[in-house]
Amino acid sequence: MPVSYDKLWKILIDKKMNRTDLKDAAGISFNVLAKMGRNEFVSMESLHKICHTLSCDIGEIMEFTDNDEHE
């Protein structure tokens, strides 16, 4: 099941933050951000840190997508 972090990138724009700001504030690694940039799964711990930093819920930063177009 594919995942999308587009909501997270929009929140960062609204808060005038870049990915490096988020990495430093949330205490996550560059590798986590790189995986998120490729819409890959990351650990719940990393997602929790991001949500805590941005004062939001997990549904506000990510969503599961259905890409059944190629079936």
N, C-alpha and C. Protein backbone atom coordinates (compact mmCIF):
# COMPACT_ATOMS: atom_id res chain seq x y z
N MET A 1 0.85 -1.18 0.00
CA MET A 1 0.00 0.00 0.00
C MET A 1 0.89 1.24 0.00
N PRO A 2 0.85 2.02 -1.05
CA PRO A 2 1.69 3.23 -1.14
C PRO A 2 1.29 4.28 -0.11
N VAL A 3 2.25 5.09 0.25
CA VAL A 3 2.05 6.15 1.23
C VAL A 3 2.47 7.48 0.60
N SER A 4 1.86 8.56 1.05
CA SER A 4 2.21 9.89 0.55
C SER A 4 2.41 10.83 1.72
N TYR A 5 3.47 11.63 1.66
CA TYR A 5 3.76 12.61 2.69
C TYR A 5 3.52 14.04 2.17
N ASP A 6 2.73 14.18 1.12
CA ASP A 6 2.46 15.50 0.55
C ASP A 6 1.89 16.46 1.57
N LYS A 7 1.06 15.95 2.47
CA LYS A 7 0.47 16.80 3.51
C LYS A 7 1.56 17.41 4.40
N LEU A 8 2.60 16.63 4.70
CA LEU A 8 3.70 17.12 5.52
C LEU A 8 4.42 18.27 4.84
N TRP A 9 4.71 18.11 3.55
CA TRP A 9 5.44 19.17 2.84
C TRP A 9 4.61 20.46 2.79
N LYS A 10 3.29 20.33 2.69
CA LYS A 10 2.43 21.52 2.70
C LYS A 10 2.44 22.21 4.06
N ILE A 11 2.45 21.40 5.13
CA ILE A 11 2.52 21.99 6.48
C ILE A 11 3.83 22.74 6.65
N LEU A 12 4.93 22.17 6.17
CA LEU A 12 6.22 22.84 6.29
C LEU A 12 6.21 24.18 5.56
N ILE A 13 5.59 24.22 4.39
CA ILE A 13 5.49 25.48 3.65
C ILE A 13 4.68 26.50 4.45
N ASP A 14 3.55 26.05 5.01
CA ASP A 14 2.71 26.95 5.80
C ASP A 14 3.45 27.49 7.03
N LYS A 15 4.31 26.67 7.63
CA LYS A 15 5.05 27.07 8.82
C LYS A 15 6.39 27.73 8.47
N LYS A 16 6.63 27.91 7.16
CA LYS A 16 7.87 28.51 6.68
C LYS A 16 9.11 27.77 7.21
N MET A 17 9.01 26.44 7.16
CA MET A 17 10.13 25.58 7.57
C MET A 17 10.62 24.82 6.35
N ASN A 18 11.90 24.47 6.37
CA ASN A 18 12.39 23.58 5.33
C ASN A 18 12.69 22.22 5.95
N ARG A 19 13.09 21.28 5.15
CA ARG A 19 13.29 19.92 5.65
C ARG A 19 14.41 19.84 6.67
N THR A 20 15.44 20.65 6.51
CA THR A 20 16.54 20.66 7.48
C THR A 20 16.05 21.19 8.82
N ASP A 21 15.20 22.22 8.81
CA ASP A 21 14.62 22.73 10.05
C ASP A 21 13.85 21.63 10.77
N LEU A 22 13.07 20.89 10.02
CA LEU A 22 12.29 19.80 10.60
C LEU A 22 13.20 18.72 11.17
N LYS A 23 14.22 18.36 10.42
CA LYS A 23 15.17 17.33 10.87
C LYS A 23 15.79 17.72 12.21
N ASP A 24 16.24 18.96 12.31
CA ASP A 24 16.88 19.42 13.54
C ASP A 24 15.89 19.52 14.70
N ALA A 25 14.71 20.07 14.44
CA ALA A 25 13.71 20.27 15.50
C ALA A 25 13.15 18.95 16.01
N ALA A 26 12.94 17.99 15.11
CA ALA A 26 12.32 16.72 15.50
C ALA A 26 13.35 15.68 15.95
N GLY A 27 14.61 15.91 15.65
CA GLY A 27 15.64 14.94 16.03
C GLY A 27 15.59 13.68 15.19
N ILE A 28 15.26 13.84 13.91
CA ILE A 28 15.24 12.69 13.00
C ILE A 28 16.45 12.78 12.08
N SER A 29 16.75 11.68 11.42
CA SER A 29 17.93 11.65 10.57
C SER A 29 17.62 12.13 9.15
N PHE A 30 18.67 12.47 8.44
CA PHE A 30 18.53 12.84 7.03
C PHE A 30 17.96 11.67 6.24
N ASN A 31 18.33 10.44 6.62
CA ASN A 31 17.84 9.26 5.90
C ASN A 31 16.32 9.13 6.00
N VAL A 32 15.76 9.48 7.15
CA VAL A 32 14.30 9.45 7.31
C VAL A 32 13.66 10.43 6.34
N LEU A 33 14.21 11.64 6.27
CA LEU A 33 13.66 12.63 5.34
C LEU A 33 13.81 12.18 3.90
N ALA A 34 14.92 11.55 3.58
CA ALA A 34 15.13 11.07 2.22
C ALA A 34 14.09 10.00 1.86
N LYS A 35 13.82 9.09 2.80
CA LYS A 35 12.80 8.06 2.55
C LYS A 35 11.43 8.70 2.37
N MET A 36 11.13 9.70 3.19
CA MET A 36 9.84 10.38 3.09
C MET A 36 9.74 11.12 1.75
N GLY A 37 10.84 11.66 1.28
CA GLY A 37 10.86 12.33 -0.01
C GLY A 37 10.55 11.39 -1.16
N ARG A 38 10.84 10.10 -0.95
CA ARG A 38 10.55 9.08 -1.96
C ARG A 38 9.24 8.35 -1.66
N ASN A 39 8.47 8.88 -0.70
CA ASN A 39 7.20 8.27 -0.27
C ASN A 39 7.37 6.81 0.14
N GLU A 40 8.42 6.55 0.93
CA GLU A 40 8.66 5.23 1.47
C GLU A 40 8.25 5.21 2.94
N PHE A 41 8.04 4.01 3.48
CA PHE A 41 7.65 3.88 4.87
C PHE A 41 8.81 4.26 5.80
N VAL A 42 8.48 4.91 6.91
CA VAL A 42 9.45 5.22 7.96
C VAL A 42 8.87 4.72 9.28
N SER A 43 9.67 4.71 10.31
CA SER A 43 9.23 4.15 11.59
C SER A 43 8.17 5.02 12.25
N MET A 44 7.36 4.37 13.08
CA MET A 44 6.35 5.10 13.85
C MET A 44 7.03 6.07 14.80
N GLU A 45 8.19 5.72 15.30
CA GLU A 45 8.93 6.61 16.20
C GLU A 45 9.26 7.93 15.50
N SER A 46 9.71 7.84 14.26
CA SER A 46 10.03 9.05 13.50
C SER A 46 8.78 9.87 13.24
N LEU A 47 7.69 9.21 12.88
CA LEU A 47 6.44 9.91 12.64
C LEU A 47 5.94 10.59 13.91
N HIS A 48 6.10 9.91 15.04
CA HIS A 48 5.69 10.49 16.32
C HIS A 48 6.50 11.75 16.62
N LYS A 49 7.81 11.70 16.41
CA LYS A 49 8.66 12.86 16.66
C LYS A 49 8.23 14.05 15.79
N ILE A 50 7.91 13.78 14.54
CA ILE A 50 7.48 14.85 13.63
C ILE A 50 6.15 15.43 14.09
N CYS A 51 5.21 14.56 14.43
CA CYS A 51 3.90 15.03 14.90
C CYS A 51 4.04 15.85 16.18
N HIS A 52 4.88 15.40 17.10
CA HIS A 52 5.09 16.13 18.34
C HIS A 52 5.69 17.51 18.07
N THR A 53 6.65 17.56 17.17
CA THR A 53 7.31 18.82 16.82
C THR A 53 6.35 19.80 16.17
N LEU A 54 5.50 19.29 15.28
CA LEU A 54 4.57 20.16 14.55
C LEU A 54 3.21 20.31 15.24
N SER A 55 3.05 19.67 16.39
CA SER A 55 1.78 19.70 17.14
C SER A 55 0.61 19.30 16.26
N CYS A 56 0.72 18.14 15.66
CA CYS A 56 -0.34 17.66 14.77
C CYS A 56 -0.52 16.16 14.95
N ASP A 57 -1.50 15.62 14.26
CA ASP A 57 -1.79 14.19 14.30
C ASP A 57 -1.20 13.53 13.05
N ILE A 58 -1.01 12.24 13.11
CA ILE A 58 -0.36 11.53 12.01
C ILE A 58 -1.14 11.67 10.69
N GLY A 59 -2.45 11.74 10.77
CA GLY A 59 -3.26 11.90 9.56
C GLY A 59 -3.09 13.24 8.89
N GLU A 60 -2.49 14.18 9.61
CA GLU A 60 -2.25 15.51 9.04
C GLU A 60 -0.94 15.58 8.26
N ILE A 61 -0.08 14.56 8.40
CA ILE A 61 1.20 14.60 7.70
C ILE A 61 1.37 13.51 6.66
N MET A 62 0.53 12.49 6.70
CA MET A 62 0.67 11.40 5.73
C MET A 62 -0.69 10.80 5.41
N GLU A 63 -0.72 10.05 4.32
CA GLU A 63 -1.92 9.32 3.97
C GLU A 63 -1.53 8.12 3.12
N PHE A 64 -2.35 7.10 3.18
CA PHE A 64 -2.17 5.94 2.32
C PHE A 64 -2.87 6.23 1.01
N THR A 65 -2.23 5.86 -0.09
CA THR A 65 -2.80 6.11 -1.41
C THR A 65 -3.09 4.80 -2.10
N ASP A 66 -4.12 4.78 -2.89
CA ASP A 66 -4.47 3.59 -3.67
C ASP A 66 -4.08 3.83 -5.12
N ASN A 67 -3.05 3.18 -5.54
CA ASN A 67 -2.61 3.28 -6.93
C ASN A 67 -2.93 1.98 -7.66
N ASP A 68 -4.21 1.80 -7.94
CA ASP A 68 -4.65 0.58 -8.62
C ASP A 68 -4.74 0.77 -10.14
N GLU A 69 -4.16 1.84 -10.64
CA GLU A 69 -4.27 2.15 -12.06
C GLU A 69 -3.63 1.09 -12.95
N HIS A 70 -2.57 0.43 -12.46
CA HIS A 70 -1.85 -0.52 -13.30
C HIS A 70 -2.39 -1.94 -13.19
N GLU A 71 -3.49 -2.13 -12.49
CA GLU A 71 -4.06 -3.47 -12.37
C GLU A 71 -5.04 -3.75 -13.49
